[in-house]
């Protein structure tokens, strides 16, 4: 089993995410990134993880997968649309 030694991060400037990636050392990465983006900061995403899992997260575009609620699944099906008052 590989050790959990890799961090996932978002580089932020204000409330805006500039870039995202993976690293072994968040402090060193923040110093490197501040040369190109002064005033930026690193925000860790999740916990430390294995390098393979972090690469998978990065390849996926670092996008969060959201579950669809039952309500939004039912919308658009016949009989579940809201009634419209007609005159």
Protein backbone atom coordinates (compact mmCIF):
# COMPACT_ATOMS: atom_id res chain seq x y z
CA UNK A 1 0.00 0.00 0.00
CA UNK A 2 1.36 3.40 -1.00
CA UNK A 3 1.60 6.11 1.65
CA UNK A 4 -0.65 9.12 1.77
CA UNK A 5 1.82 11.86 0.98
CA UNK A 6 0.16 14.06 -1.65
CA UNK A 7 -1.96 17.19 -1.14
CA UNK A 8 -4.66 18.49 -3.48
CA UNK A 9 -4.98 22.27 -3.56
CA UNK A 10 -6.69 25.29 -5.10
CA UNK A 11 -4.66 28.44 -5.65
CA UNK A 12 -6.90 31.40 -4.79
CA UNK A 13 -6.65 35.12 -5.21
CA UNK A 14 -9.48 36.74 -3.30
CA UNK A 15 -12.49 34.46 -3.77
CA UNK A 16 -11.43 33.40 -7.26
CA UNK A 17 -9.71 30.07 -7.93
CA UNK A 18 -6.78 30.71 -10.26
CA UNK A 19 -5.55 27.15 -10.64
CA UNK A 20 -5.60 23.78 -8.92
CA UNK A 21 -3.21 20.90 -8.66
CA UNK A 22 -1.33 18.43 -6.49
CA UNK A 23 1.91 18.70 -4.51
CA UNK A 24 3.97 17.02 -1.81
CA UNK A 25 4.68 20.31 0.04
CA UNK A 26 1.96 23.00 0.28
CA UNK A 27 4.24 25.66 1.78
CA UNK A 28 6.86 25.33 -0.96
CA UNK A 29 4.17 25.33 -3.67
CA UNK A 30 2.61 28.49 -2.22
CA UNK A 31 5.97 30.28 -2.31
CA UNK A 32 6.49 29.19 -5.94
CA UNK A 33 3.00 30.31 -6.97
CA UNK A 34 3.31 33.71 -5.30
CA UNK A 35 6.10 34.59 -7.73
CA UNK A 36 3.57 34.46 -10.60
CA UNK A 37 0.48 35.48 -8.61
CA UNK A 38 1.40 37.95 -5.82
CA UNK A 39 -1.09 37.95 -2.96
CA UNK A 40 -2.42 34.48 -3.77
CA UNK A 41 -2.86 31.72 -1.23
CA UNK A 42 -3.17 27.95 -1.28
CA UNK A 43 -6.28 26.24 0.06
CA UNK A 44 -5.95 22.53 0.75
CA UNK A 45 -8.70 20.38 -0.74
CA UNK A 46 -9.61 17.32 1.30
CA UNK A 47 -7.06 15.25 3.19
CA UNK A 48 -3.64 13.93 2.27
CA UNK A 49 -4.02 11.16 -0.26
CA UNK A 50 -2.00 8.73 -2.33
CA UNK A 51 -0.24 10.08 -5.41
CA UNK A 52 -2.34 7.85 -7.69
CA UNK A 53 -5.64 9.11 -6.22
CA UNK A 54 -4.43 12.72 -6.47
CA UNK A 55 -3.51 12.24 -10.14
CA UNK A 56 -6.94 10.77 -10.80
CA UNK A 57 -8.52 13.85 -9.14
CA UNK A 58 -6.35 16.16 -11.22
CA UNK A 59 -7.10 14.34 -14.50
CA UNK A 60 -10.81 14.53 -13.75
CA UNK A 61 -10.37 18.28 -13.91
CA UNK A 62 -10.65 18.59 -10.14
CA UNK A 63 -14.40 18.85 -10.56
CA UNK A 64 -16.68 17.85 -7.75
CA UNK A 65 -19.29 15.28 -8.69
CA UNK A 66 -22.70 16.24 -7.39
CA UNK A 67 -25.53 13.82 -6.72
CA UNK A 68 -28.89 14.58 -8.28
CA UNK A 69 -31.64 14.86 -5.69
CA UNK A 70 -34.90 12.96 -6.06
CA UNK A 71 -36.76 16.21 -6.59
CA UNK A 72 -34.65 17.25 -9.58
CA UNK A 73 -34.85 13.71 -11.03
CA UNK A 74 -38.65 13.87 -10.95
CA UNK A 75 -38.89 17.30 -12.53
CA UNK A 76 -39.72 17.07 -16.17
CA UNK A 77 -41.42 13.69 -15.98
CA UNK A 78 -45.05 13.48 -17.00
CA UNK A 79 -47.41 14.31 -14.17
CA UNK A 80 -44.80 15.99 -11.98
CA UNK A 81 -44.81 19.41 -13.61
CA UNK A 82 -46.38 22.25 -11.65
CA UNK A 83 -49.87 23.20 -12.69
CA UNK A 84 -50.29 26.50 -14.55
CA UNK A 85 -53.45 28.49 -13.92
CA UNK A 86 -55.34 29.19 -17.16
CA UNK A 87 -58.03 31.77 -17.63
